């Protein structure tokens, strides 16, 4: 007679074998609107476009990258609806070309639109394009100073030393009390 543990292990092995034999890839076609079968998980792209800076100057070159696009496809990169470049995804669905930011200054939408045409194979974000010679930074006075001065660091060192000495003293006192009880 089989032990209950051995029977449970054999049952689990049979279930795993049956599930593996009946598993089907999630994508099998590579026609328009469907990602390549080589990327069966996740079941659909969840594209994300990224830019090396969200406040570039007009005329500046920036890196536009994307992740989770369909693998091995061209991605149309636009800024404010104007085509500025094409990224070709690798087998993992990533790309990262450099493009030139068109003027004029202002908020503009950067989009990466995959060739598959799937709604989940495209993404957009907003960047703030600055005119050359501007900083778009609030005016500051005095230069900001340092985050911590030498006095603050010295005080932290003294505090640490006091805590260590207090710990040593309490340990010694505890040992003396224990020795006096015995």
Protein backbone atom coordinates (compact mmCIF):
# COMPACT_ATOMS: atom_id res chain seq x y z
CA UNK A 1 0.00 0.00 0.00
CA UNK A 2 1.26 3.49 -0.90
CA UNK A 3 1.90 5.99 1.83
CA UNK A 4 -0.40 9.04 1.72
CA UNK A 5 2.54 11.37 1.04
CA UNK A 6 3.76 9.30 -1.92
CA UNK A 7 0.23 9.12 -3.33
CA UNK A 8 -0.11 12.89 -3.05
CA UNK A 9 3.21 13.45 -4.83
CA UNK A 10 2.21 11.09 -7.68
CA UNK A 11 -1.17 12.82 -8.03
CA UNK A 12 0.48 16.25 -8.21
CA UNK A 13 2.97 14.98 -10.80
CA UNK A 14 0.14 13.61 -12.94
CA UNK A 15 -1.74 16.91 -12.79
CA UNK A 16 1.33 18.94 -13.75
CA UNK A 17 2.07 16.61 -16.66
CA UNK A 18 -1.51 16.85 -17.92
CA UNK A 19 -1.49 20.67 -17.67
CA UNK A 20 1.83 20.93 -19.51
CA UNK A 21 0.64 18.66 -22.31
CA UNK A 22 -2.52 20.72 -22.89
CA UNK A 23 -0.88 24.16 -22.67
CA UNK A 24 -1.27 26.27 -25.82
CA UNK A 25 0.72 29.40 -26.65
CA UNK A 26 -1.28 32.57 -26.08
CA UNK A 27 -0.38 34.01 -29.50
CA UNK A 28 0.24 32.06 -32.63
CA UNK A 29 -0.32 34.53 -35.47
CA UNK A 30 1.96 37.40 -36.43
CA UNK A 31 -0.55 39.33 -38.51
CA UNK A 32 -1.34 42.99 -37.91
CA UNK A 33 -3.00 43.49 -34.56
CA UNK A 34 -1.34 40.50 -32.90
CA UNK A 35 2.10 40.31 -31.31
CA UNK A 36 4.59 37.65 -32.32
CA UNK A 37 4.20 34.21 -30.68
CA UNK A 38 7.75 34.40 -29.33
CA UNK A 39 6.40 36.55 -26.52
CA UNK A 40 3.65 34.47 -24.96
CA UNK A 41 3.67 36.22 -21.58
CA UNK A 42 2.28 38.69 -20.73
CA UNK A 43 -0.64 37.89 -23.00
CA UNK A 44 -0.79 41.43 -24.44
CA UNK A 45 1.73 44.24 -24.67
CA UNK A 46 1.53 46.92 -22.02
CA UNK A 47 3.66 49.53 -23.72
CA UNK A 48 5.42 52.30 -21.80
CA UNK A 49 7.30 55.15 -23.46
CA UNK A 50 9.99 57.07 -21.55
CA UNK A 51 12.12 60.15 -22.26
CA UNK A 52 15.59 60.90 -20.86
CA UNK A 53 14.35 64.32 -19.68
CA UNK A 54 10.85 65.74 -19.33
CA UNK A 55 11.95 69.36 -19.83
CA UNK A 56 14.32 69.48 -22.81
CA UNK A 57 15.23 72.52 -24.88
CA UNK A 58 13.84 72.92 -28.39
CA UNK A 59 16.39 71.41 -30.79
CA UNK A 60 17.96 69.18 -28.11
CA UNK A 61 18.57 65.48 -28.75
CA UNK A 62 16.87 63.23 -26.19
CA UNK A 63 16.66 59.47 -25.81
CA UNK A 64 13.14 58.09 -26.23
CA UNK A 65 12.89 54.56 -24.96
CA UNK A 66 10.09 52.08 -24.71
CA UNK A 67 9.41 48.84 -22.89
CA UNK A 68 6.74 46.15 -23.18
CA UNK A 69 6.05 46.76 -26.87
CA UNK A 70 5.52 43.87 -29.27
CA UNK A 71 8.88 42.29 -30.11
CA UNK A 72 10.64 42.91 -33.43
CA UNK A 73 8.45 45.74 -34.68
CA UNK A 74 8.88 49.38 -35.69
CA UNK A 75 7.57 51.99 -33.26
CA UNK A 76 6.65 55.41 -34.66
CA UNK A 77 7.91 58.16 -32.33
CA UNK A 78 6.05 61.47 -32.48
CA UNK A 79 6.30 64.75 -30.55
CA UNK A 80 3.19 66.94 -30.74
CA UNK A 81 1.94 64.73 -33.58
CA UNK A 82 5.10 65.31 -35.66
CA UNK A 83 7.12 62.21 -36.65
CA UNK A 84 10.60 62.56 -35.12
CA UNK A 85 11.96 59.03 -35.40
CA UNK A 86 11.42 55.30 -35.48
CA UNK A 87 12.51 52.78 -32.89
CA UNK A 88 12.86 49.11 -33.70
CA UNK A 89 12.11 46.80 -30.79
CA UNK A 90 14.31 43.89 -29.86
CA UNK A 91 13.05 40.42 -28.95
CA UNK A 92 11.97 41.73 -25.54
CA UNK A 93 9.94 44.64 -26.94
CA UNK A 94 12.36 47.45 -25.99
CA UNK A 95 13.84 50.30 -28.04
CA UNK A 96 15.86 53.48 -27.29
CA UNK A 97 16.75 55.82 -30.19
CA UNK A 98 17.74 59.47 -29.88
CA UNK A 99 15.45 62.07 -31.47
CA UNK A 100 15.56 65.85 -31.84
CA UNK A 101 12.89 67.81 -29.95
CA UNK A 102 11.04 70.21 -32.27
CA UNK A 103 10.13 73.76 -31.23
CA UNK A 104 8.43 75.96 -30.22
CA UNK A 105 8.51 75.84 -26.41
CA UNK A 106 5.53 74.53 -24.43
CA UNK A 107 3.93 71.29 -23.27
CA UNK A 108 4.10 68.59 -25.93
CA UNK A 109 2.98 64.98 -26.09
CA UNK A 110 5.60 62.31 -26.88
CA UNK A 111 4.08 59.11 -28.25
CA UNK A 112 5.42 55.71 -29.23
CA UNK A 113 2.98 53.82 -31.46
CA UNK A 114 3.74 50.19 -32.27
CA UNK A 115 3.19 48.80 -35.76
CA UNK A 116 0.84 46.09 -34.45
CA UNK A 117 -1.95 48.65 -34.10
CA UNK A 118 -3.00 47.26 -30.72
CA UNK A 119 -4.23 49.88 -28.26
CA UNK A 120 -1.96 48.37 -25.60
CA UNK A 121 1.03 48.68 -27.98
CA UNK A 122 1.25 52.47 -27.69
CA UNK A 123 1.88 55.03 -24.98
CA UNK A 124 2.24 58.80 -24.60
CA UNK A 125 3.59 61.24 -22.04
CA UNK A 126 3.82 65.02 -21.71
CA UNK A 127 7.12 66.92 -21.78
CA UNK A 128 7.74 70.63 -21.17
CA UNK A 129 9.87 71.91 -24.05
CA UNK A 130 11.90 74.99 -23.09
CA UNK A 131 13.12 77.72 -25.40
CA UNK A 132 16.89 77.95 -25.74
CA UNK A 133 18.39 80.28 -23.16
CA UNK A 134 15.66 79.72 -20.54
CA UNK A 135 15.75 77.57 -17.47
CA UNK A 136 12.08 77.39 -16.34
CA UNK A 137 13.45 77.21 -12.79
CA UNK A 138 12.10 79.35 -9.95
CA UNK A 139 14.46 82.13 -8.86
CA UNK A 140 16.47 81.35 -5.74
CA UNK A 141 18.45 83.59 -3.48
CA UNK A 142 21.64 82.80 -1.63
CA UNK A 143 22.64 79.58 -3.39
CA UNK A 144 20.95 77.18 -0.96
CA UNK A 145 23.87 76.35 1.37
CA UNK A 146 24.80 72.86 2.47
CA UNK A 147 22.42 70.26 3.79
CA UNK A 148 24.48 69.58 6.94
CA UNK A 149 27.25 71.63 8.48
CA UNK A 150 30.30 70.39 10.37
CA UNK A 151 28.67 71.40 13.68
CA UNK A 152 25.68 69.12 13.03
CA UNK A 153 27.95 66.21 12.14
CA UNK A 154 30.06 66.79 15.30
CA UNK A 155 26.89 66.79 17.42
CA UNK A 156 25.85 63.48 15.88
CA UNK A 157 29.30 62.05 16.69
CA UNK A 158 29.08 63.19 20.31
CA UNK A 159 25.57 61.73 20.61
CA UNK A 160 26.81 58.39 19.25
CA UNK A 161 29.71 58.37 21.70
CA UNK A 162 27.38 59.12 24.65
CA UNK A 163 25.06 56.28 23.61
CA UNK A 164 27.96 53.81 23.32
CA UNK A 165 29.31 54.82 26.74
CA UNK A 166 25.83 54.52 28.27
CA UNK A 167 25.52 51.00 26.84
CA UNK A 168 28.92 49.97 28.21
CA UNK A 169 28.01 51.44 31.61
CA UNK A 170 24.68 49.63 31.79
CA UNK A 171 26.29 46.34 30.78
CA UNK A 172 28.95 46.71 33.48
CA UNK A 173 26.34 47.69 36.09
CA UNK A 174 24.23 44.67 35.18
CA UNK A 175 27.20 42.33 35.59
CA UNK A 176 28.05 43.81 38.99
CA UNK A 177 24.43 43.34 40.16
CA UNK A 178 24.37 39.77 38.93
CA UNK A 179 27.70 39.02 40.64
CA UNK A 180 26.41 40.56 43.91
CA UNK A 181 23.34 38.28 43.91
CA UNK A 182 25.36 35.12 43.54
